[in-house]
Amino acid sequence: MPASVIDYQAPEPPYRQIAADLIRDIQSGALAVNRPVPSEAALMQMYGVARNTARHAVSFLRDQGWVYTLPQRGTFVTDRSAEGDRQAAE
């Protein structure tokens, strides 16, 4: 899961670029359902960004339903297929 280089001149902010990379990894299966996503510290090192930027990327993914966080455990990939199954049943 190599990190892309952040383009600071792009119209999309760095946290969204990181989130887009992680979404691609989730969709490709490189980050599996119910498995942890890289920590904030790992994202900081991978992308060369500040903790706030890494935190914002993870928060964005959580808000979009791509990941969930368990206190004292970490952040994990959401099973989005189960959500689709629930919506289809309604």
PDB file of N, CA and C in Angstrom:
ATOM      1  N   MET A   1       0.839  -1.179   0.000  1.00  0.00           N
ATOM      2  CA  MET A   1       0.000   0.000   0.000  1.00  0.00           C
ATOM      3  C   MET A   1       0.886   1.245   0.000  1.00  0.00           C
ATOM      4  N   PRO A   2       1.594   1.481  -1.098  1.00  0.00           N
ATOM      5  CA  PRO A   2       2.449   2.675  -1.152  1.00  0.00           C
ATOM      6  C   PRO A   2       1.625   3.951  -1.195  1.00  0.00           C
ATOM      7  N   ALA A   3       2.101   4.937  -0.490  1.00  0.00           N
ATOM      8  CA  ALA A   3       1.394   6.218  -0.429  1.00  0.00           C
ATOM      9  C   ALA A   3       1.666   7.038  -1.681  1.00  0.00           C
ATOM     10  N   SER A   4       0.656   7.760  -2.117  1.00  0.00           N
ATOM     11  CA  SER A   4       0.833   8.712  -3.207  1.00  0.00           C
ATOM     12  C   SER A   4       1.479   9.969  -2.650  1.00  0.00           C
ATOM     13  N   VAL A   5       2.090  10.709  -3.524  1.00  0.00           N
ATOM     14  CA  VAL A   5       2.675  11.982  -3.127  1.00  0.00           C
ATOM     15  C   VAL A   5       1.556  13.016  -3.043  1.00  0.00           C
ATOM     16  N   ILE A   6       1.551  13.788  -1.970  1.00  0.00           N
ATOM     17  CA  ILE A   6       0.550  14.830  -1.794  1.00  0.00           C
ATOM     18  C   ILE A   6       0.865  15.976  -2.750  1.00  0.00           C
ATOM     19  N   ASP A   7      -0.138  16.411  -3.488  1.00  0.00           N
ATOM     20  CA  ASP A   7       0.002  17.548  -4.400  1.00  0.00           C
ATOM     21  C   ASP A   7      -0.592  18.774  -3.709  1.00  0.00           C
ATOM     22  N   TYR A   8       0.286  19.600  -3.160  1.00  0.00           N
ATOM     23  CA  TYR A   8      -0.167  20.768  -2.403  1.00  0.00           C
ATOM     24  C   TYR A   8      -0.726  21.867  -3.306  1.00  0.00           C
ATOM     25  N   GLN A   9      -0.546  21.744  -4.614  1.00  0.00           N
ATOM     26  CA  GLN A   9      -1.084  22.721  -5.552  1.00  0.00           C
ATOM     27  C   GLN A   9      -2.463  22.304  -6.085  1.00  0.00           C
ATOM     28  N   ALA A  10      -2.880  21.092  -5.790  1.00  0.00           N
ATOM     29  CA  ALA A  10      -4.167  20.579  -6.281  1.00  0.00           C
ATOM     30  C   ALA A  10      -5.317  21.275  -5.558  1.00  0.00           C
ATOM     31  N   PRO A  11      -6.464  21.357  -6.221  1.00  0.00           N
ATOM     32  CA  PRO A  11      -7.625  21.962  -5.568  1.00  0.00           C
ATOM     33  C   PRO A  11      -8.154  21.123  -4.402  1.00  0.00           C
ATOM     34  N   GLU A  12      -7.899  19.829  -4.428  1.00  0.00           N
ATOM     35  CA  GLU A  12      -8.344  18.936  -3.353  1.00  0.00           C
ATOM     36  C   GLU A  12      -7.350  19.029  -2.192  1.00  0.00           C
ATOM     37  N   PRO A  13      -7.827  19.277  -0.970  1.00  0.00           N
ATOM     38  CA  PRO A  13      -6.907  19.430   0.164  1.00  0.00           C
ATOM     39  C   PRO A  13      -6.175  18.121   0.483  1.00  0.00           C
ATOM     40  N   PRO A  14      -5.020  18.213   1.140  1.00  0.00           N
ATOM     41  CA  PRO A  14      -4.224  17.016   1.440  1.00  0.00           C
ATOM     42  C   PRO A  14      -5.005  15.920   2.156  1.00  0.00           C
ATOM     43  N   TYR A  15      -5.843  16.262   3.121  1.00  0.00           N
ATOM     44  CA  TYR A  15      -6.571  15.212   3.847  1.00  0.00           C
ATOM     45  C   TYR A  15      -7.492  14.435   2.918  1.00  0.00           C
ATOM     46  N   ARG A  16      -8.066  15.109   1.912  1.00  0.00           N
ATOM     47  CA  ARG A  16      -8.941  14.427   0.950  1.00  0.00           C
ATOM     48  C   ARG A  16      -8.123  13.545   0.010  1.00  0.00           C
ATOM     49  N   GLN A  17      -6.907  13.957  -0.320  1.00  0.00           N
ATOM     50  CA  GLN A  17      -6.030  13.131  -1.149  1.00  0.00           C
ATOM     51  C   GLN A  17      -5.658  11.843  -0.414  1.00  0.00           C
ATOM     52  N   ILE A  18      -5.365  11.963   0.885  1.00  0.00           N
ATOM     53  CA  ILE A  18      -5.054  10.786   1.700  1.00  0.00           C
ATOM     54  C   ILE A  18      -6.281   9.885   1.787  1.00  0.00           C
ATOM     55  N   ALA A  19      -7.437  10.478   2.056  1.00  0.00           N
ATOM     56  CA  ALA A  19      -8.674   9.699   2.149  1.00  0.00           C
ATOM     57  C   ALA A  19      -8.948   8.971   0.830  1.00  0.00           C
ATOM     58  N   ALA A  20      -8.728   9.636  -0.293  1.00  0.00           N
ATOM     59  CA  ALA A  20      -8.957   9.013  -1.604  1.00  0.00           C
ATOM     60  C   ALA A  20      -8.032   7.815  -1.786  1.00  0.00           C
ATOM     61  N   ASP A  21      -6.774   7.940  -1.358  1.00  0.00           N
ATOM     62  CA  ASP A  21      -5.845   6.807  -1.432  1.00  0.00           C
ATOM     63  C   ASP A  21      -6.355   5.637  -0.594  1.00  0.00           C
ATOM     64  N   LEU A  22      -6.797   5.936   0.619  1.00  0.00           N
ATOM     65  CA  LEU A  22      -7.272   4.876   1.505  1.00  0.00           C
ATOM     66  C   LEU A  22      -8.550   4.232   0.956  1.00  0.00           C
ATOM     67  N   ILE A  23      -9.433   5.024   0.368  1.00  0.00           N
ATOM     68  CA  ILE A  23     -10.645   4.470  -0.241  1.00  0.00           C
ATOM     69  C   ILE A  23     -10.254   3.536  -1.384  1.00  0.00           C
ATOM     70  N   ARG A  24      -9.297   3.930  -2.204  1.00  0.00           N
ATOM     71  CA  ARG A  24      -8.825   3.044  -3.286  1.00  0.00           C
ATOM     72  C   ARG A  24      -8.294   1.733  -2.707  1.00  0.00           C
ATOM     73  N   ASP A  25      -7.554   1.823  -1.605  1.00  0.00           N
ATOM     74  CA  ASP A  25      -7.019   0.616  -0.973  1.00  0.00           C
ATOM     75  C   ASP A  25      -8.139  -0.265  -0.420  1.00  0.00           C
ATOM     76  N   ILE A  26      -9.173   0.339   0.117  1.00  0.00           N
ATOM     77  CA  ILE A  26     -10.318  -0.419   0.626  1.00  0.00           C
ATOM     78  C   ILE A  26     -11.034  -1.102  -0.532  1.00  0.00           C
ATOM     79  N   GLN A  27     -11.294  -0.357  -1.593  1.00  0.00           N
ATOM     80  CA  GLN A  27     -12.011  -0.906  -2.734  1.00  0.00           C
ATOM     81  C   GLN A  27     -11.231  -2.019  -3.426  1.00  0.00           C
ATOM     82  N   SER A  28      -9.907  -1.912  -3.431  1.00  0.00           N
ATOM     83  CA  SER A  28      -9.088  -2.930  -4.089  1.00  0.00           C
ATOM     84  C   SER A  28      -8.888  -4.166  -3.211  1.00  0.00           C
ATOM     85  N   GLY A  29      -9.213  -4.037  -1.918  1.00  0.00           N
ATOM     86  CA  GLY A  29      -9.012  -5.153  -1.000  1.00  0.00           C
ATOM     87  C   GLY A  29      -7.671  -5.111  -0.293  1.00  0.00           C
ATOM     88  N   ALA A  30      -6.829  -4.125  -0.608  1.00  0.00           N
ATOM     89  CA  ALA A  30      -5.542  -3.992   0.081  1.00  0.00           C
ATOM     90  C   ALA A  30      -5.761  -3.723   1.575  1.00  0.00           C
ATOM     91  N   LEU A  31      -6.852  -3.034   1.896  1.00  0.00           N
ATOM     92  CA  LEU A  31      -7.295  -2.871   3.289  1.00  0.00           C
ATOM     93  C   LEU A  31      -8.592  -3.657   3.413  1.00  0.00           C
ATOM     94  N   ALA A  32      -8.552  -4.745   4.143  1.00  0.00           N
ATOM     95  CA  ALA A  32      -9.692  -5.658   4.228  1.00  0.00           C
ATOM     96  C   ALA A  32     -10.704  -5.216   5.286  1.00  0.00           C
ATOM     97  N   VAL A  33     -11.929  -5.664   5.097  1.00  0.00           N
ATOM     98  CA  VAL A  33     -13.031  -5.377   6.028  1.00  0.00           C
ATOM     99  C   VAL A  33     -12.666  -5.867   7.433  1.00  0.00           C
ATOM    100  N   ASN A  34     -12.961  -5.023   8.408  1.00  0.00           N
ATOM    101  CA  ASN A  34     -12.722  -5.291   9.830  1.00  0.00           C
ATOM    102  C   ASN A  34     -11.243  -5.415  10.190  1.00  0.00           C
ATOM    103  N   ARG A  35     -10.369  -4.973   9.304  1.00  0.00           N
ATOM    104  CA  ARG A  35      -8.941  -4.918   9.582  1.00  0.00           C
ATOM    105  C   ARG A  35      -8.564  -3.458   9.817  1.00  0.00           C
ATOM    106  N   PRO A  36      -7.504  -3.206  10.583  1.00  0.00           N
ATOM    107  CA  PRO A  36      -7.149  -1.815  10.895  1.00  0.00           C
ATOM    108  C   PRO A  36      -6.622  -1.038   9.697  1.00  0.00           C
ATOM    109  N   VAL A  37      -6.924   0.242   9.698  1.00  0.00           N
ATOM    110  CA  VAL A  37      -6.322   1.161   8.728  1.00  0.00           C
ATOM    111  C   VAL A  37      -5.039   1.692   9.375  1.00  0.00           C
ATOM    112  N   PRO A  38      -4.140   2.254   8.602  1.00  0.00           N
ATOM    113  CA  PRO A  38      -2.914   2.791   9.200  1.00  0.00           C
ATOM    114  C   PRO A  38      -3.234   3.828  10.285  1.00  0.00           C
ATOM    115  N   SER A  39      -2.434   3.819  11.326  1.00  0.00           N
ATOM    116  CA  SER A  39      -2.607   4.772  12.426  1.00  0.00           C
ATOM    117  C   SER A  39      -2.288   6.183  11.947  1.00  0.00           C
ATOM    118  N   GLU A  40      -2.658   7.163  12.756  1.00  0.00           N
ATOM    119  CA  GLU A  40      -2.319   8.553  12.434  1.00  0.00           C
ATOM    120  C   GLU A  40      -0.809   8.702  12.284  1.00  0.00           C
ATOM    121  N   ALA A  41      -0.066   8.078  13.184  1.00  0.00           N
ATOM    122  CA  ALA A  41       1.400   8.171  13.117  1.00  0.00           C
ATOM    123  C   ALA A  41       1.921   7.566  11.814  1.00  0.00           C
ATOM    124  N   ALA A  42       1.351   6.446  11.406  1.00  0.00           N
ATOM    125  CA  ALA A  42       1.772   5.807  10.152  1.00  0.00           C
ATOM    126  C   ALA A  42       1.418   6.690   8.954  1.00  0.00           C
ATOM    127  N   LEU A  43       0.225   7.286   8.968  1.00  0.00           N
ATOM    128  CA  LEU A  43      -0.169   8.175   7.880  1.00  0.00           C
ATOM    129  C   LEU A  43       0.746   9.399   7.822  1.00  0.00           C
ATOM    130  N   MET A  44       1.116   9.914   8.984  1.00  0.00           N
ATOM    131  CA  MET A  44       2.024  11.055   9.034  1.00  0.00           C
ATOM    132  C   MET A  44       3.349  10.706   8.355  1.00  0.00           C
ATOM    133  N   GLN A  45       3.860   9.532   8.654  1.00  0.00           N
ATOM    134  CA  GLN A  45       5.130   9.104   8.087  1.00  0.00           C
ATOM    135  C   GLN A  45       4.986   8.786   6.594  1.00  0.00           C
ATOM    136  N   MET A  46       3.919   8.097   6.213  1.00  0.00           N
ATOM    137  CA  MET A  46       3.716   7.706   4.813  1.00  0.00           C
ATOM    138  C   MET A  46       3.582   8.912   3.896  1.00  0.00           C
ATOM    139  N   TYR A  47       2.844   9.927   4.353  1.00  0.00           N
ATOM    140  CA  TYR A  47       2.528  11.072   3.500  1.00  0.00           C
ATOM    141  C   TYR A  47       3.324  12.324   3.834  1.00  0.00           C
ATOM    142  N   GLY A  48       4.052  12.313   4.931  1.00  0.00           N
ATOM    143  CA  GLY A  48       4.819  13.488   5.322  1.00  0.00           C
ATOM    144  C   GLY A  48       3.935  14.664   5.704  1.00  0.00           C
ATOM    145  N   VAL A  49       2.844  14.367   6.430  1.00  0.00           N
ATOM    146  CA  VAL A  49       1.893  15.411   6.810  1.00  0.00           C
ATOM    147  C   VAL A  49       1.841  15.544   8.331  1.00  0.00           C
ATOM    148  N   ALA A  50       1.207  16.607   8.776  1.00  0.00           N
ATOM    149  CA  ALA A  50       1.025  16.852  10.205  1.00  0.00           C
ATOM    150  C   ALA A  50      -0.053  15.919  10.770  1.00  0.00           C
ATOM    151  N   ARG A  51      -0.005  15.723  12.076  1.00  0.00           N
ATOM    152  CA  ARG A  51      -0.992  14.865  12.736  1.00  0.00           C
ATOM    153  C   ARG A  51      -2.420  15.339  12.457  1.00  0.00           C
ATOM    154  N   ASN A  52      -2.629  16.642  12.452  1.00  0.00           N
ATOM    155  CA  ASN A  52      -3.972  17.178  12.211  1.00  0.00           C
ATOM    156  C   ASN A  52      -4.495  16.767  10.834  1.00  0.00           C
ATOM    157  N   THR A  53      -3.620  16.752   9.836  1.00  0.00           N
ATOM    158  CA  THR A  53      -4.024  16.360   8.484  1.00  0.00           C
ATOM    159  C   THR A  53      -4.386  14.879   8.460  1.00  0.00           C
ATOM    160  N   ALA A  54      -3.568  14.042   9.085  1.00  0.00           N
ATOM    161  CA  ALA A  54      -3.857  12.607   9.154  1.00  0.00           C
ATOM    162  C   ALA A  54      -5.165  12.369   9.897  1.00  0.00           C
ATOM    163  N   ARG A  55      -5.348  13.072  10.996  1.00  0.00           N
ATOM    164  CA  ARG A  55      -6.565  12.931  11.799  1.00  0.00           C
ATOM    165  C   ARG A  55      -7.799  13.342  10.996  1.00  0.00           C
ATOM    166  N   HIS A  56      -7.666  14.423  10.240  1.00  0.00           N
ATOM    167  CA  HIS A  56      -8.781  14.917   9.426  1.00  0.00           C
ATOM    168  C   HIS A  56      -9.143  13.895   8.344  1.00  0.00           C
ATOM    169  N   ALA A  57      -8.142  13.242   7.760  1.00  0.00           N
ATOM    170  CA  ALA A  57      -8.394  12.220   6.734  1.00  0.00           C
ATOM    171  C   ALA A  57      -9.190  11.052   7.322  1.00  0.00           C
ATOM    172  N   VAL A  58      -8.794  10.593   8.492  1.00  0.00           N
ATOM    173  CA  VAL A  58      -9.491   9.476   9.137  1.00  0.00           C
ATOM    174  C   VAL A  58     -10.905   9.895   9.547  1.00  0.00           C
ATOM    175  N   SER A  59     -11.038  11.095  10.052  1.00  0.00           N
ATOM    176  CA  SER A  59     -12.353  11.614  10.429  1.00  0.00           C
ATOM    177  C   SER A  59     -13.275  11.686   9.215  1.00  0.00           C
ATOM    178  N   PHE A  60     -12.736  12.138   8.084  1.00  0.00           N
ATOM    179  CA  PHE A  60     -13.518  12.200   6.849  1.00  0.00           C
ATOM    180  C   PHE A  60     -13.984  10.802   6.446  1.00  0.00           C
ATOM    181  N   LEU A  61     -13.093   9.823   6.509  1.00  0.00           N
ATOM    182  CA  LEU A  61     -13.469   8.445   6.167  1.00  0.00           C
ATOM    183  C   LEU A  61     -14.549   7.912   7.102  1.00  0.00           C
ATOM    184  N   ARG A  62     -14.440   8.250   8.380  1.00  0.00           N
ATOM    185  CA  ARG A  62     -15.449   7.819   9.360  1.00  0.00           C
ATOM    186  C   ARG A  62     -16.794   8.461   9.043  1.00  0.00           C
ATOM    187  N   ASP A  63     -16.784   9.753   8.736  1.00  0.00           N
ATOM    188  CA  ASP A  63     -18.021  10.470   8.415  1.00  0.00           C
ATOM    189  C   ASP A  63     -18.678   9.912   7.156  1.00  0.00           C
ATOM    190  N   GLN A  64     -17.869   9.419   6.223  1.00  0.00           N
ATOM    191  CA  GLN A  64     -18.386   8.870   4.964  1.00  0.00           C
ATOM    192  C   GLN A  64     -18.754   7.397   5.080  1.00  0.00           C
ATOM    193  N   GLY A  65     -18.504   6.786   6.240  1.00  0.00           N
ATOM    194  CA  GLY A  65     -18.875   5.395   6.461  1.00  0.00           C
ATOM    195  C   GLY A  65     -17.873   4.370   5.959  1.00  0.00           C
ATOM    196  N   TRP A  66     -16.655   4.783   5.644  1.00  0.00           N
ATOM    197  CA  TRP A  66     -15.640   3.847   5.169  1.00  0.00           C
ATOM    198  C   TRP A  66     -14.938   3.119   6.310  1.00  0.00           C
ATOM    199  N   VAL A  67     -14.853   3.771   7.474  1.00  0.00           N
ATOM    200  CA  VAL A  67     -14.165   3.183   8.624  1.00  0.00           C
ATOM    201  C   VAL A  67     -14.973   3.444   9.893  1.00  0.00           C
ATOM    202  N   TYR A  68     -14.644   2.682  10.924  1.00  0.00           N
ATOM    203  CA  TYR A  68     -15.221   2.913  12.254  1.00  0.00           C
ATOM    204  C   TYR A  68     -14.093   2.827  13.268  1.00  0.00           C
ATOM    205  N   THR A  69     -14.267   3.523  14.386  1.00  0.00           N
ATOM    206  CA  THR A  69     -13.233   3.567  15.411  1.00  0.00           C
ATOM    207  C   THR A  69     -13.744   2.939  16.689  1.00  0.00           C
ATOM    208  N   LEU A  70     -12.916   2.090  17.271  1.00  0.00           N
ATOM    209  CA  LEU A  70     -13.202   1.497  18.574  1.00  0.00           C
ATOM    210  C   LEU A  70     -12.228   2.107  19.572  1.00  0.00           C
ATOM    211  N   PRO A  71     -12.748   2.753  20.626  1.00  0.00           N
ATOM    212  CA  PRO A  71     -11.857   3.378  21.609  1.00  0.00           C
ATOM    213  C   PRO A  71     -10.837   2.374  22.157  1.00  0.00           C
ATOM    214  N   GLN A  72      -9.618   2.824  22.282  1.00  0.00           N
ATOM    215  CA  GLN A  72      -8.505   2.038  22.808  1.00  0.00           C
ATOM    216  C   GLN A  72      -8.094   0.887  21.899  1.00  0.00           C
ATOM    217  N   ARG A  73      -8.709   0.749  20.722  1.00  0.00           N
ATOM    218  CA  ARG A  73      -8.391  -0.361  19.807  1.00  0.00           C
ATOM    219  C   ARG A  73      -7.852   0.119  18.474  1.00  0.00           C
ATOM    220  N   GLY A  74      -8.475   1.154  17.901  1.00  0.00           N
ATOM    221  CA  GLY A  74      -8.024   1.643  16.610  1.00  0.00           C
ATOM    222  C   GLY A  74      -9.178   1.891  15.660  1.00  0.00           C
ATOM    223  N   THR A  75      -8.834   2.110  14.409  1.00  0.00           N
ATOM    224  CA  THR A  75      -9.812   2.396  13.366  1.00  0.00           C
ATOM    225  C   THR A  75      -9.756   1.267  12.346  1.00  0.00           C
ATOM    226  N   PHE A  76     -10.932   0.793  11.953  1.00  0.00           N
ATOM    227  CA  PHE A  76     -11.050  -0.397  11.128  1.00  0.00           C
ATOM    228  C   PHE A  76     -11.937  -0.137   9.916  1.00  0.00           C
ATOM    229  N   VAL A  77     -11.748  -0.945   8.879  1.00  0.00           N
ATOM    230  CA  VAL A  77     -12.528  -0.832   7.647  1.00  0.00           C
ATOM    231  C   VAL A  77     -13.943  -1.345   7.893  1.00  0.00           C
ATOM    232  N   THR A  78     -14.922  -0.552   7.477  1.00  0.00           N
ATOM    233  CA  THR A  78     -16.331  -0.900   7.607  1.00  0.00           C
ATOM    234  C   THR A  78     -16.717  -1.911   6.536  1.00  0.00           C
ATOM    235  N   ASP A  79     -17.613  -2.815   6.879  1.00  0.00           N
ATOM    236  CA  ASP A  79     -18.170  -3.751   5.903  1.00  0.00           C
ATOM    237  C   ASP A  79     -19.323  -3.050   5.200  1.00  0.00           C
ATOM    238  N   ARG A  80     -19.027  -2.405   4.094  1.00  0.00           N
ATOM    239  CA  ARG A  80     -20.041  -1.639   3.360  1.00  0.00           C
ATOM    240  C   ARG A  80     -21.011  -2.543   2.621  1.00  0.00           C
ATOM    241  N   SER A  81     -20.643  -3.791   2.360  1.00  0.00           N
ATOM    242  CA  SER A  81     -21.571  -4.706   1.692  1.00  0.00           C
ATOM    243  C   SER A  81     -22.733  -5.037   2.620  1.00  0.00           C
ATOM    244  N   ALA A  82     -22.477  -5.122   3.922  1.00  0.00           N
ATOM    245  CA  ALA A  82     -23.548  -5.388   4.885  1.00  0.00           C
ATOM    246  C   ALA A  82     -24.524  -4.229   4.912  1.00  0.00           C
ATOM    247  N   GLU A  83     -24.031  -3.005   4.766  1.00  0.00           N
ATOM    248  CA  GLU A  83     -24.905  -1.831   4.730  1.00  0.00           C
ATOM    249  C   GLU A  83     -25.790  -1.878   3.505  1.00  0.00           C
ATOM    250  N   GLY A  84     -25.216  -2.261   2.366  1.00  0.00           N
ATOM    251  CA  GLY A  84     -25.991  -2.377   1.139  1.00  0.00           C
ATOM    252  C   GLY A  84     -27.072  -3.450   1.266  1.00  0.00           C
ATOM    253  N   ASP A  85     -26.731  -4.544   1.955  1.00  0.00           N
ATOM    254  CA  ASP A  85     -27.710  -5.608   2.188  1.00  0.00           C
ATOM    255  C   ASP A  85     -28.849  -5.101   3.047  1.00  0.00           C
ATOM    256  N   ARG A  86     -28.545  -4.306   4.057  1.00  0.00           N
ATOM    257  CA  ARG A  86     -29.585  -3.766   4.938  1.00  0.00           C
ATOM    258  C   ARG A  86     -30.509  -2.822   4.179  1.00  0.00           C
ATOM    259  N   GLN A  87     -29.917  -1.967   3.351  1.00  0.00           N
ATOM    260  CA  GLN A  87     -30.740  -1.024   2.595  1.00  0.00           C
ATOM    261  C   GLN A  87     -31.620  -1.751   1.591  1.00  0.00           C
ATOM    262  N   ALA A  88     -31.124  -2.820   0.999  1.00  0.00           N
ATOM    263  CA  ALA A  88     -31.907  -3.583   0.030  1.00  0.00           C
ATOM    264  C   ALA A  88     -33.089  -4.275   0.714  1.00  0.00           C
ATOM    265  N   ALA A  89     -32.907  -4.666   1.983  1.00  0.00           N
ATOM    266  CA  ALA A  89     -33.967  -5.361   2.705  1.00  0.00           C
ATOM    267  C   ALA A  89     -35.087  -4.416   3.140  1.00  0.00           C
ATOM    268  N   GLU A  90     -34.795  -3.130   3.198  1.00  0.00           N
ATOM    269  CA  GLU A  90     -35.811  -2.166   3.669  1.00  0.00           C
ATOM    270  C   GLU A  90     -36.825  -1.852   2.606  1.00  0.00           C
TER     271      GLU A  90
END
